[in-house]
N, C-alpha and C. Protein backbone atom coordinates (compact mmCIF):
# COMPACT_ATOMS: atom_id res chain seq x y z
N MET A 1 6.72 -2.86 -32.12
CA MET A 1 7.56 -1.67 -31.20
C MET A 1 7.00 -0.57 -30.83
N HIS A 2 6.94 -0.13 -29.77
CA HIS A 2 6.44 0.88 -29.10
C HIS A 2 7.84 1.10 -28.74
N SER A 3 8.63 2.45 -28.67
CA SER A 3 9.94 3.00 -27.05
C SER A 3 9.11 3.84 -26.02
N GLN A 4 9.67 4.07 -25.43
CA GLN A 4 9.41 5.48 -24.31
C GLN A 4 11.06 5.47 -24.06
N ILE A 5 10.89 7.02 -24.28
CA ILE A 5 12.22 7.50 -23.67
C ILE A 5 12.17 7.72 -22.40
N GLY A 6 13.12 7.59 -21.23
CA GLY A 6 12.89 8.36 -19.66
C GLY A 6 12.25 7.66 -18.73
N LYS A 7 13.54 7.84 -17.78
CA LYS A 7 12.25 7.09 -16.43
C LYS A 7 10.90 6.22 -16.47
N GLY A 8 11.60 4.98 -16.05
CA GLY A 8 10.09 4.17 -16.54
C GLY A 8 10.06 3.68 -17.99
N GLY A 9 10.83 3.54 -19.12
CA GLY A 9 10.56 3.85 -20.36
C GLY A 9 11.09 2.87 -20.71
N GLY A 10 11.35 1.96 -21.83
CA GLY A 10 11.34 0.90 -22.43
C GLY A 10 10.48 0.72 -23.50
N TYR A 11 10.47 -0.80 -24.10
CA TYR A 11 10.19 -0.89 -25.05
C TYR A 11 8.64 -1.91 -25.52
N THR A 12 7.36 -1.91 -25.70
CA THR A 12 6.65 -2.76 -25.66
C THR A 12 5.88 -3.28 -27.50
N LEU A 13 5.45 -4.45 -26.87
CA LEU A 13 4.88 -5.13 -28.37
C LEU A 13 3.92 -3.94 -28.40
N ALA A 14 3.87 -3.50 -30.39
CA ALA A 14 2.83 -3.10 -30.82
C ALA A 14 1.24 -4.39 -31.36
N ARG A 15 1.67 -5.50 -31.40
CA ARG A 15 1.30 -6.55 -31.36
C ARG A 15 0.82 -7.35 -30.25
N SER A 16 -0.35 -8.08 -29.77
CA SER A 16 -0.13 -8.67 -28.98
C SER A 16 0.73 -10.22 -29.14
N ALA A 17 1.19 -10.81 -28.00
CA ALA A 17 2.68 -11.61 -27.95
C ALA A 17 2.28 -12.85 -29.06
N GLY A 18 0.98 -13.35 -29.01
CA GLY A 18 1.22 -14.93 -29.65
C GLY A 18 0.99 -14.04 -31.25
N ALA A 19 0.69 -13.07 -31.52
CA ALA A 19 0.38 -12.38 -32.99
C ALA A 19 1.86 -12.24 -33.85
N VAL A 20 3.39 -12.27 -32.62
CA VAL A 20 4.42 -11.81 -32.99
C VAL A 20 5.12 -13.32 -33.15
N SER A 21 5.52 -13.60 -34.31
CA SER A 21 6.29 -15.43 -34.89
C SER A 21 7.47 -14.63 -34.21
N LEU A 22 8.79 -15.97 -33.62
CA LEU A 22 9.79 -16.15 -33.51
C LEU A 22 10.72 -15.66 -34.83
N LEU A 23 9.95 -16.11 -36.25
CA LEU A 23 10.96 -15.36 -37.17
C LEU A 23 10.66 -13.78 -37.36
N GLU A 24 9.78 -12.99 -37.04
CA GLU A 24 9.66 -12.24 -37.20
C GLU A 24 11.12 -11.42 -36.55
N VAL A 25 10.84 -11.48 -34.96
CA VAL A 25 11.70 -11.28 -34.64
C VAL A 25 13.56 -10.82 -34.54
N MET A 26 13.71 -12.73 -35.22
CA MET A 26 14.71 -12.95 -35.83
C MET A 26 15.05 -11.60 -37.20
N GLU A 27 14.43 -11.37 -37.33
CA GLU A 27 14.71 -10.74 -38.78
C GLU A 27 14.56 -9.35 -38.89
N ALA A 28 14.11 -8.41 -37.39
CA ALA A 28 13.68 -7.88 -37.35
C ALA A 28 15.51 -7.22 -36.57
N THR A 29 15.78 -7.82 -35.91
CA THR A 29 17.37 -8.00 -35.18
C THR A 29 17.63 -8.12 -36.20
N ASN A 30 18.14 -9.03 -36.99
CA ASN A 30 19.20 -9.60 -37.65
C ASN A 30 19.20 -9.69 -39.36
N GLY A 31 18.20 -9.40 -39.95
CA GLY A 31 18.01 -8.73 -41.16
C GLY A 31 17.90 -10.45 -41.73
N PRO A 32 17.47 -10.77 -42.77
CA PRO A 32 16.43 -11.63 -43.21
C PRO A 32 17.34 -13.02 -43.13
N ILE A 33 16.32 -14.02 -42.82
CA ILE A 33 17.56 -15.64 -42.64
C ILE A 33 16.93 -16.06 -44.42
N ASP A 34 18.33 -15.82 -44.57
CA ASP A 34 18.16 -16.65 -47.00
C ASP A 34 19.35 -17.73 -46.22
N GLY A 35 19.58 -18.24 -47.11
CA GLY A 35 20.61 -19.47 -47.78
C GLY A 35 22.05 -18.51 -48.75
N ARG A 36 22.05 -17.77 -48.26
CA ARG A 36 22.70 -16.53 -50.20
C ARG A 36 24.22 -17.32 -49.02
N ILE A 37 24.83 -17.26 -49.93
CA ILE A 37 26.59 -18.02 -49.42
C ILE A 37 27.63 -16.99 -50.37
N LEU A 38 28.59 -16.80 -50.23
CA LEU A 38 28.97 -15.74 -51.53
C LEU A 38 30.06 -16.78 -52.56
N PRO A 39 29.85 -16.14 -53.45
CA PRO A 39 29.85 -17.35 -54.83
C PRO A 39 31.59 -17.23 -54.39
N LEU A 40 32.13 -18.83 -54.97
CA LEU A 40 33.21 -19.08 -54.89
C LEU A 40 33.98 -18.17 -55.91
N SER A 41 35.07 -17.82 -56.11
CA SER A 41 35.95 -17.36 -57.61
C SER A 41 36.36 -17.65 -58.00
N SER A 42 37.17 -19.32 -58.36
CA SER A 42 37.11 -20.12 -59.35
C SER A 42 35.89 -20.43 -60.37
N PRO A 43 35.82 -20.34 -61.36
CA PRO A 43 34.22 -20.77 -62.05
C PRO A 43 34.85 -22.11 -62.15
N ARG A 44 36.00 -22.72 -62.41
CA ARG A 44 36.10 -24.21 -62.35
C ARG A 44 35.16 -25.22 -61.26
N ARG A 45 35.32 -24.78 -60.54
CA ARG A 45 34.44 -24.94 -59.15
C ARG A 45 32.68 -24.80 -59.21
N GLU A 46 32.10 -24.42 -59.87
CA GLU A 46 30.84 -23.68 -60.35
C GLU A 46 29.61 -24.86 -59.88
N ALA A 47 30.16 -25.77 -59.94
CA ALA A 47 29.17 -26.67 -59.89
C ALA A 47 29.14 -27.01 -58.47
N MET A 48 29.47 -26.57 -57.61
CA MET A 48 29.81 -27.02 -56.27
C MET A 48 29.19 -25.91 -56.14
N TRP A 49 29.57 -24.56 -56.30
CA TRP A 49 29.08 -23.58 -55.24
C TRP A 49 27.22 -24.02 -55.37
N ARG A 50 26.77 -24.01 -56.83
CA ARG A 50 25.48 -23.81 -57.10
C ARG A 50 24.96 -25.56 -55.79
N ARG A 51 25.54 -26.08 -55.78
CA ARG A 51 24.92 -27.52 -55.19
C ARG A 51 25.35 -27.19 -53.30
N LEU A 52 26.03 -26.67 -53.28
CA LEU A 52 26.19 -25.92 -51.96
C LEU A 52 25.35 -24.71 -51.68
N GLN A 53 25.24 -23.98 -52.76
CA GLN A 53 23.86 -23.14 -53.24
C GLN A 53 22.79 -23.28 -52.41
N ALA A 54 21.78 -24.90 -53.01
CA ALA A 54 20.87 -25.06 -53.63
C ALA A 54 20.35 -26.01 -51.34
N ALA A 55 21.87 -26.34 -51.01
CA ALA A 55 21.24 -26.78 -49.58
C ALA A 55 21.28 -25.45 -48.16
N CYS A 56 21.61 -24.65 -48.60
CA CYS A 56 21.88 -23.50 -47.57
C CYS A 56 20.45 -23.11 -48.17
N ASP A 57 19.86 -22.59 -49.22
CA ASP A 57 18.32 -22.41 -49.39
C ASP A 57 17.31 -23.26 -49.13
N ALA A 58 17.89 -24.14 -49.31
CA ALA A 58 16.74 -25.96 -48.07
C ALA A 58 16.54 -25.71 -46.92
N ALA A 59 17.73 -25.41 -46.09
CA ALA A 59 18.31 -25.37 -44.72
C ALA A 59 17.69 -23.93 -44.21
N ALA A 60 18.09 -23.04 -45.01
CA ALA A 60 17.10 -21.76 -44.39
C ALA A 60 15.23 -21.48 -45.33
N THR A 61 15.19 -22.23 -45.33
CA THR A 61 13.35 -22.49 -45.92
C THR A 61 13.23 -22.72 -44.61
N ASN A 62 13.82 -24.31 -43.83
CA ASN A 62 13.32 -24.68 -43.19
C ASN A 62 13.41 -24.02 -42.09
N VAL A 63 15.01 -23.08 -41.88
CA VAL A 63 14.70 -22.77 -40.88
C VAL A 63 13.70 -21.58 -40.05
N ARG A 64 13.26 -20.77 -41.45
CA ARG A 64 12.50 -19.79 -41.37
C ARG A 64 11.09 -20.56 -41.41
N ARG A 65 10.17 -21.57 -41.58
CA ARG A 65 8.80 -22.25 -41.38
C ARG A 65 8.90 -22.26 -40.13
N ILE A 66 10.19 -23.67 -39.25
CA ILE A 66 10.29 -23.93 -37.95
C ILE A 66 9.95 -22.66 -37.22
N LEU A 67 10.80 -21.34 -37.70
CA LEU A 67 10.38 -19.97 -36.40
C LEU A 67 9.18 -19.83 -36.80
N ALA A 68 8.84 -19.42 -37.80
CA ALA A 68 7.14 -18.50 -37.79
C ALA A 68 6.05 -19.71 -37.11
N GLN A 69 6.40 -21.09 -36.67
CA GLN A 69 5.16 -21.17 -36.30
C GLN A 69 5.81 -21.35 -34.48
N VAL A 70 6.48 -20.86 -34.54
CA VAL A 70 6.68 -20.94 -32.98
C VAL A 70 6.37 -19.01 -32.73
N SER A 71 5.29 -18.88 -31.60
CA SER A 71 5.24 -16.67 -31.18
C SER A 71 5.84 -16.86 -29.39
N LEU A 72 6.42 -15.84 -30.16
CA LEU A 72 6.17 -14.70 -28.09
C LEU A 72 5.70 -15.93 -27.35
N ALA A 73 4.44 -15.51 -27.54
CA ALA A 73 3.63 -15.99 -26.01
C ALA A 73 3.82 -17.32 -26.06
N ASP A 74 4.35 -18.11 -27.44
CA ASP A 74 4.60 -20.38 -26.79
C ASP A 74 5.99 -19.61 -25.94
N LEU A 75 7.27 -18.76 -26.40
CA LEU A 75 8.13 -19.08 -24.98
C LEU A 75 8.05 -18.35 -24.13
N ALA A 76 6.54 -17.41 -24.01
CA ALA A 76 6.77 -17.14 -22.65
C ALA A 76 6.21 -17.49 -21.48
N ALA A 77 4.84 -19.01 -22.69
CA ALA A 77 4.68 -19.91 -22.17
C ALA A 77 5.03 -21.17 -21.02
N VAL A 78 7.35 -21.09 -21.76
CA VAL A 78 7.23 -21.97 -20.87
C VAL A 78 8.54 -21.38 -19.66
N LEU A 79 8.19 -20.48 -19.76
CA LEU A 79 9.65 -19.50 -19.01
C LEU A 79 8.73 -19.59 -17.52
N GLU A 80 10.22 -19.76 -16.62
CA GLU A 80 9.45 -19.97 -15.12
C GLU A 80 9.28 -18.72 -14.72
N PRO A 81 8.43 -17.91 -13.67
CA PRO A 81 8.35 -16.80 -13.03
C PRO A 81 9.80 -16.71 -12.65
N VAL A 82 10.57 -15.63 -13.18
CA VAL A 82 11.34 -15.11 -11.83
C VAL A 82 10.88 -14.52 -10.31
N GLU A 83 11.71 -14.83 -9.18
CA GLU A 83 11.70 -14.98 -8.25
C GLU A 83 12.33 -13.90 -7.91
N ARG A 84 11.95 -12.43 -8.14
CA ARG A 84 12.48 -11.83 -7.17
C ARG A 84 12.93 -11.27 -5.62
N PRO A 85 13.71 -11.22 -5.23
CA PRO A 85 13.15 -10.70 -3.01
C PRO A 85 13.20 -9.80 -3.42
N PRO A 86 11.75 -9.20 -2.12
CA PRO A 86 12.10 -8.05 -1.75
C PRO A 86 12.48 -7.40 -2.27
N ALA A 87 12.49 -6.15 -2.28
CA ALA A 87 13.21 -4.78 -1.70
C ALA A 87 13.04 -3.86 -0.26
N PRO A 88 14.18 -4.09 0.40
CA PRO A 88 14.07 -4.03 1.92
C PRO A 88 13.24 -1.99 1.61
N TRP A 89 13.97 -1.67 0.86
CA TRP A 89 13.33 -0.16 1.16
C TRP A 89 12.18 0.03 0.21
N ARG A 90 11.47 -0.33 -0.66
CA ARG A 90 10.15 0.09 -0.62
C ARG A 90 9.31 -0.24 0.22
N ASP A 91 8.29 0.73 0.37
CA ASP A 91 7.68 0.20 1.67
C ASP A 91 7.97 0.59 3.08
N SER A 92 9.46 0.69 3.42
CA SER A 92 9.61 0.24 4.79
C SER A 92 9.72 1.42 5.49
N PRO A 93 9.69 1.24 6.67
CA PRO A 93 8.85 1.98 7.85
C PRO A 93 10.57 2.98 8.19
N THR A 94 11.61 2.24 7.54
CA THR A 94 13.03 2.59 8.50
C THR A 94 13.46 3.69 7.11
N LEU A 95 12.93 4.31 6.10
CA LEU A 95 12.80 4.81 4.72
C LEU A 95 12.74 6.75 5.50
N PRO A 96 11.77 6.73 5.90
CA PRO A 96 11.34 7.89 7.06
C PRO A 96 12.66 8.56 7.78
N GLU A 97 13.23 7.73 8.31
CA GLU A 97 14.31 7.66 9.22
C GLU A 97 15.40 7.82 8.57
N MET A 98 15.70 6.82 7.99
CA MET A 98 16.69 7.55 6.86
C MET A 98 16.78 8.58 5.68
N ILE A 99 15.82 9.27 5.93
CA ILE A 99 16.05 10.74 4.97
C ILE A 99 16.45 11.20 6.10
N ARG A 100 15.80 11.40 7.30
CA ARG A 100 15.69 12.25 8.84
C ARG A 100 17.26 12.44 8.85
N LEU A 101 17.67 11.28 9.13
CA LEU A 101 19.20 10.62 9.14
C LEU A 101 20.42 11.31 8.29
N ARG A 102 19.76 11.76 7.42
CA ARG A 102 21.06 11.92 6.17
C ARG A 102 20.22 12.99 6.02
N LYS A 103 19.55 14.19 5.96
CA LYS A 103 19.54 16.22 6.22
C LYS A 103 20.05 15.67 7.32
N GLU A 104 20.53 15.69 8.48
CA GLU A 104 21.17 15.56 9.72
C GLU A 104 22.63 15.76 9.59
N GLY A 105 22.77 15.12 8.30
CA GLY A 105 24.54 15.02 8.01
C GLY A 105 24.99 13.83 8.16
N LEU A 106 24.33 12.41 8.42
CA LEU A 106 25.07 11.20 9.01
C LEU A 106 25.02 10.90 7.64
N THR A 107 26.86 9.74 7.71
CA THR A 107 26.55 9.17 6.50
C THR A 107 26.16 7.83 6.36
N LEU A 108 26.43 6.88 5.30
CA LEU A 108 25.50 6.46 4.97
C LEU A 108 25.83 5.08 6.55
N ALA A 109 26.72 4.60 6.20
CA ALA A 109 27.76 3.76 7.09
C ALA A 109 26.83 4.56 8.31
N ALA A 110 26.87 5.22 9.17
CA ALA A 110 26.33 5.83 10.12
C ALA A 110 24.88 5.16 10.61
N ILE A 111 24.08 6.17 8.98
CA ILE A 111 22.71 5.26 9.73
C ILE A 111 22.44 4.01 8.87
N GLY A 112 22.93 2.81 8.27
CA GLY A 112 22.83 1.69 8.24
C GLY A 112 22.76 1.06 10.11
N ALA A 113 24.04 1.97 10.64
CA ALA A 113 24.08 1.39 11.50
C ALA A 113 23.43 1.64 12.97
N ARG A 114 22.93 2.49 13.15
CA ARG A 114 22.00 2.74 13.24
C ARG A 114 20.23 2.17 13.75
N LEU A 115 20.21 1.64 12.16
CA LEU A 115 19.02 0.99 11.84
C LEU A 115 19.46 -0.56 11.98
N GLY A 116 20.43 -0.44 11.74
CA GLY A 116 20.81 -2.73 11.76
C GLY A 116 20.74 -3.03 10.20
N VAL A 117 21.39 -1.90 8.97
CA VAL A 117 21.14 -2.45 7.75
C VAL A 117 22.24 -2.02 6.91
N SER A 118 22.64 -2.38 5.73
CA SER A 118 23.99 -2.75 5.68
C SER A 118 23.45 -0.53 4.82
N ARG A 119 24.83 -1.00 4.80
CA ARG A 119 25.97 0.97 3.76
C ARG A 119 24.54 0.77 2.14
N GLN A 120 24.93 0.18 1.95
CA GLN A 120 24.04 -0.50 0.26
C GLN A 120 22.86 0.19 0.89
N ALA A 121 22.15 -1.29 1.26
CA ALA A 121 20.84 -1.17 1.48
C ALA A 121 20.52 0.83 1.25
N VAL A 122 21.03 1.26 2.49
CA VAL A 122 20.73 2.59 2.74
C VAL A 122 20.03 3.24 1.15
N HIS A 123 21.50 3.27 0.61
CA HIS A 123 22.17 4.18 -0.73
C HIS A 123 21.27 3.36 -1.68
N CYS A 124 20.56 1.93 -1.97
CA CYS A 124 20.00 1.59 -2.42
C CYS A 124 18.29 2.03 -1.91
N ALA A 125 17.93 2.73 -0.96
CA ALA A 125 16.60 2.72 -0.45
C ALA A 125 16.56 4.29 -0.79
N LEU A 126 17.53 5.24 -0.04
CA LEU A 126 17.39 6.77 -0.46
C LEU A 126 17.83 7.35 -2.07
N THR A 127 18.38 6.84 -3.21
CA THR A 127 18.12 6.39 -4.67
C THR A 127 16.87 5.61 -4.83
N ALA A 128 16.12 4.92 -4.33
CA ALA A 128 15.04 4.50 -4.90
C ALA A 128 14.17 5.80 -5.00
N ALA A 129 14.33 5.98 -3.54
CA ALA A 129 13.35 7.62 -3.22
C ALA A 129 13.23 8.21 -3.52
N GLY A 130 14.50 8.69 -4.37
CA GLY A 130 14.48 9.56 -5.16
C GLY A 130 15.26 10.77 -4.44
N PHE A 131 15.45 10.82 -3.19
CA PHE A 131 16.43 11.65 -2.41
C PHE A 131 18.42 12.56 -2.44
N ARG A 132 18.16 13.06 -2.33
CA ARG A 132 19.27 14.13 -2.96
C ARG A 132 19.52 15.20 -1.69
N ARG A 133 20.39 14.57 -0.97
CA ARG A 133 21.11 15.66 -0.05
C ARG A 133 21.35 16.63 -1.28
N ASP A 134 21.35 18.10 0.02
CA ASP A 134 21.39 19.18 0.04
C ASP A 134 22.79 19.77 -0.99
N ALA A 135 23.42 20.46 -1.37
CA ALA A 135 24.17 20.68 -1.43
C ALA A 135 25.32 21.35 -0.08
N THR A 136 24.23 21.63 0.99
CA THR A 136 24.98 22.10 2.11
C THR A 136 24.82 21.13 3.42
N VAL A 137 25.68 21.18 3.85
CA VAL A 137 25.64 20.15 5.79
C VAL A 137 25.39 21.58 6.52
N ASN A 138 24.77 20.86 7.44
CA ASN A 138 25.41 22.36 8.53
C ASN A 138 24.96 23.93 8.34
N GLY A 139 24.40 24.23 7.36
CA GLY A 139 24.60 25.33 6.79
C GLY A 139 26.50 25.90 5.74
N ARG A 140 27.24 24.72 5.98
CA ARG A 140 28.23 25.09 4.95
C ARG A 140 27.91 24.29 3.73
N LYS A 141 28.85 24.80 3.03
CA LYS A 141 28.58 23.35 2.01
C LYS A 141 29.96 22.86 1.80
N ARG A 142 29.34 21.97 0.86
CA ARG A 142 30.24 20.83 1.11
C ARG A 142 31.12 20.74 -0.66
N ARG A 143 32.67 20.83 -0.43
CA ARG A 143 33.29 20.97 -1.28
C ARG A 143 34.19 19.31 -1.97
N ARG A 144 33.21 19.26 -3.10
CA ARG A 144 34.07 17.97 -3.64
C ARG A 144 35.12 18.68 -4.70
N SER A 145 36.31 18.29 -4.71
CA SER A 145 37.73 18.17 -5.88
C SER A 145 36.99 17.72 -7.53
N LEU A 146 37.77 18.14 -7.67
CA LEU A 146 37.26 17.25 -9.41
C LEU A 146 38.06 16.07 -9.35
N GLU A 147 39.07 15.98 -8.70
CA GLU A 147 39.82 14.60 -9.09
C GLU A 147 38.94 13.29 -8.03
N ARG A 148 38.27 13.92 -6.72
CA ARG A 148 37.65 13.18 -5.84
C ARG A 148 36.40 12.70 -7.00
N THR A 149 35.83 13.53 -6.91
CA THR A 149 34.71 12.99 -8.33
C THR A 149 34.23 11.99 -9.07
N ARG A 150 35.44 12.32 -9.63
CA ARG A 150 36.11 10.95 -10.41
C ARG A 150 36.16 9.62 -10.08
N ARG A 151 36.43 9.73 -9.43
CA ARG A 151 37.94 8.18 -8.81
C ARG A 151 36.04 7.29 -8.79
């Protein structure tokens, strides 16, 4: 795995998905798959413990063999693509208008009402565009008490 920190960051595979087995993923995230069980405290039950340990070892061997046969590409091949609804703020002809109205000091709700979209859509559009309004509105500094900011 390769990782990248920051906006647009995340994880990418160091090898192709076909070269990474499900066994490797499971063992990298959860530790080795083995049949280890805790020993019993009673020496009289040692024969039972040995038989149980042999059964768990055999089960772990089978699980490892099966997981090693499945690659990440195999898993991805059976997934259906996720249909994401289009984001109304991307490439929106109303985004410049939203920014202009926000700079004029209108609230998100007022902008939404004027453009016929929800307040949340305006918020998402401005946030996705990286827009941050100045600390001043109409030449006056906005005041935010600590209590209001924390709510």
